[in-house]
Amino acid sequence: MNEISRREELSLSGAALRGAPWKTATIAGGAVAAASYGMGVILPGTADLPWALGLGISLFALIAAIGAVAKPDIGDRVTRQARQWSLRHPWRFALMPAGITAVLTYPVQLVLDNEGIFGAAWDSAWRGALVYLITGIVAMTMKGRAR
C-alpha cells in the first residue's frame, strides 16, 4: 500500500517548492511582464496589461517549480525527499505550480480584463494547463537526477 492521498501529494509538492528560487522567479516574472507591457506601449494599440501580468505570473511559477526540482540534493532532509518524490512523479508535482498560476491569474483576468467570472476562469485554466504541461515535461526530463 504505497498509495498516498491527494492531500499528501499536495503537501509533498509544497515541500518540494520550499527553498525554490523565489527571488529569481519574482525578478524574472516582473521583468518579462514589464517588457511585454513596454513593448505594447511602444507599438501603438497593442498594450495589454492583463496579458503581460499573466505572462509574468506564468513565468514566475515555472521558474520557481523548475528551480526547486533542478537541485534535488540541496536543502534539509524533508525538502530533499520531497524533491526526489517530485522528480519520480513529475505530473503530480506539476499540479502545484499550475494551481498557483491559475489562482494568481484569475483576479487579474477578472478585474483588469473585464471578462466576467467564466471568461476569467477559462483564461486562468488555460494558463494553468500550459504551466502544468511545461513543468511536467521539464521535470520528466530531469527524472534521472532523483536517486
Protein backbone atom coordinates (compact mmCIF):
# COMPACT_ATOMS: atom_id res chain seq x y z
CA MET A 1 0.00 0.00 0.00
CA ASN A 2 2.26 2.75 -1.29
CA GLU A 3 -0.67 4.91 -2.36
CA ILE A 4 -0.78 8.38 -0.87
CA SER A 5 -3.76 10.69 -0.78
CA ARG A 6 -4.16 13.82 -2.90
CA ARG A 7 -3.65 15.91 0.23
CA GLU A 8 -0.30 14.20 0.89
CA GLU A 9 0.71 14.74 -2.74
CA LEU A 10 -0.01 18.47 -2.42
CA SER A 11 1.97 18.56 0.82
CA LEU A 12 4.93 16.90 -0.91
CA SER A 13 4.69 19.33 -3.82
CA GLY A 14 4.60 22.25 -1.41
CA ALA A 15 7.57 20.86 0.50
CA ALA A 16 9.48 20.46 -2.77
CA LEU A 17 8.80 24.11 -3.58
CA ARG A 18 10.23 25.16 -0.23
CA GLY A 19 13.56 26.75 -0.96
CA ALA A 20 12.68 27.39 -4.60
CA PRO A 21 14.43 30.36 -6.19
CA TRP A 22 11.58 32.74 -5.34
CA LYS A 23 13.66 35.90 -5.70
CA THR A 24 14.86 34.90 -9.16
CA ALA A 25 11.34 33.86 -10.16
CA THR A 26 9.88 37.17 -8.96
CA ILE A 27 12.51 39.26 -10.74
CA ALA A 28 12.22 37.27 -13.98
CA GLY A 29 8.41 37.27 -13.94
CA GLY A 30 8.30 41.00 -13.21
CA ALA A 31 10.88 41.81 -15.86
CA VAL A 32 9.05 39.79 -18.52
CA ALA A 33 5.72 41.36 -17.58
CA ALA A 34 7.24 44.85 -17.73
CA ALA A 35 8.98 44.14 -21.04
CA SER A 36 5.80 42.71 -22.54
CA TYR A 37 3.74 45.70 -21.49
CA GLY A 38 6.52 48.11 -22.51
CA MET A 39 6.66 46.60 -25.99
CA GLY A 40 2.90 47.01 -26.18
CA VAL A 41 3.20 50.69 -25.28
CA ILE A 42 5.93 51.26 -27.87
CA LEU A 43 3.91 49.61 -30.62
CA PRO A 44 0.71 51.65 -30.88
CA GLY A 45 -2.53 49.89 -29.96
CA THR A 46 -1.03 46.64 -28.70
CA ALA A 47 -0.58 47.35 -24.96
CA ASP A 48 -2.40 44.70 -22.93
CA LEU A 49 -1.75 44.80 -19.18
CA PRO A 50 -3.69 41.61 -18.27
CA TRP A 51 -1.76 39.63 -20.88
CA ALA A 52 1.58 40.99 -19.64
CA LEU A 53 0.74 40.25 -15.99
CA GLY A 54 -0.49 36.75 -16.86
CA LEU A 55 2.73 36.07 -18.74
CA GLY A 56 4.79 37.28 -15.78
CA ILE A 57 2.81 35.14 -13.31
CA SER A 58 3.16 32.07 -15.51
CA LEU A 59 6.90 32.56 -15.84
CA PHE A 60 7.16 33.14 -12.08
CA ALA A 61 5.54 29.76 -11.35
CA LEU A 62 7.62 27.97 -13.99
CA ILE A 63 10.93 29.29 -12.75
CA ALA A 64 10.05 28.52 -9.12
CA ALA A 65 8.97 24.96 -9.94
CA ILE A 66 11.85 24.10 -12.24
CA GLY A 67 14.36 25.74 -9.92
CA ALA A 68 13.01 23.72 -7.00
CA VAL A 69 13.49 20.33 -8.64
CA ALA A 70 16.68 21.20 -10.52
CA LYS A 71 18.86 20.53 -7.47
CA PRO A 72 17.24 17.68 -5.54
CA ASP A 73 20.22 17.19 -3.22
CA ILE A 74 20.17 20.70 -1.75
CA GLY A 75 18.15 21.51 1.36
CA ASP A 76 17.20 19.74 4.54
CA ARG A 77 16.20 16.08 4.62
CA VAL A 78 12.47 16.69 4.17
CA THR A 79 13.00 19.06 1.25
CA ARG A 80 15.39 16.63 -0.45
CA GLN A 81 12.96 13.75 -0.07
CA ALA A 82 10.06 15.87 -1.37
CA ARG A 83 12.11 16.99 -4.37
CA GLN A 84 13.12 13.43 -5.15
CA TRP A 85 9.45 12.41 -4.94
CA SER A 86 8.66 15.29 -7.33
CA LEU A 87 11.20 14.01 -9.82
CA ARG A 88 9.76 10.48 -9.60
CA HIS A 89 6.20 11.83 -10.03
CA PRO A 90 6.59 14.88 -12.30
CA TRP A 91 2.95 15.13 -13.38
CA ARG A 92 1.66 15.06 -9.82
CA PHE A 93 4.21 17.69 -8.81
CA ALA A 94 3.24 19.90 -11.77
CA LEU A 95 -0.26 20.32 -10.33
CA MET A 96 1.01 22.73 -7.65
CA PRO A 97 2.66 25.31 -9.98
CA ALA A 98 -0.32 25.02 -12.34
CA GLY A 99 -2.70 25.72 -9.46
CA ILE A 100 -0.58 28.64 -8.30
CA THR A 101 -0.71 30.11 -11.81
CA ALA A 102 -4.46 29.66 -12.17
CA VAL A 103 -5.21 31.13 -8.75
CA LEU A 104 -2.96 34.16 -9.24
CA THR A 105 -4.10 34.96 -12.79
CA TYR A 106 -7.83 34.67 -12.05
CA PRO A 107 -8.18 38.03 -10.22
CA VAL A 108 -6.02 39.73 -12.84
CA GLN A 109 -8.26 38.48 -15.63
CA LEU A 110 -11.43 39.19 -13.67
CA VAL A 111 -10.60 42.75 -12.58
CA LEU A 112 -8.36 44.13 -15.31
CA ASP A 113 -9.71 42.35 -18.38
CA ASN A 114 -13.44 42.66 -17.54
CA GLU A 115 -14.12 39.20 -18.92
CA GLY A 116 -16.61 38.15 -16.28
CA ILE A 117 -16.45 35.18 -13.94
CA PHE A 118 -16.44 32.44 -16.54
CA GLY A 119 -14.17 34.15 -19.06
CA ALA A 120 -11.58 34.84 -16.37
CA ALA A 121 -11.83 31.24 -15.14
CA TRP A 122 -11.36 29.95 -18.70
CA ASP A 123 -8.26 32.09 -19.31
CA SER A 124 -6.79 31.17 -15.93
CA ALA A 125 -7.43 27.47 -16.55
CA TRP A 126 -5.62 27.64 -19.90
CA ARG A 127 -2.63 29.39 -18.35
CA GLY A 128 -2.56 26.80 -15.58
CA ALA A 129 -2.77 23.97 -18.13
CA LEU A 130 0.17 25.40 -20.06
CA VAL A 131 2.27 25.70 -16.89
CA TYR A 132 1.24 22.13 -15.97
CA LEU A 133 2.38 20.81 -19.34
CA ILE A 134 5.72 22.65 -19.40
CA THR A 135 6.53 21.87 -15.75
CA GLY A 136 5.64 18.21 -16.20
CA ILE A 137 7.76 17.82 -19.31
CA VAL A 138 10.78 19.60 -17.82
CA ALA A 139 10.53 17.67 -14.53
CA MET A 140 10.20 14.44 -16.50
CA THR A 141 13.42 15.19 -18.38
CA MET A 142 15.15 15.77 -15.02
CA LYS A 143 13.96 12.40 -13.70
CA GLY A 144 17.49 10.98 -13.82
CA ARG A 145 18.57 13.36 -11.06
CA ALA A 146 16.42 11.53 -8.48
CA ARG A 147 18.21 8.76 -6.63
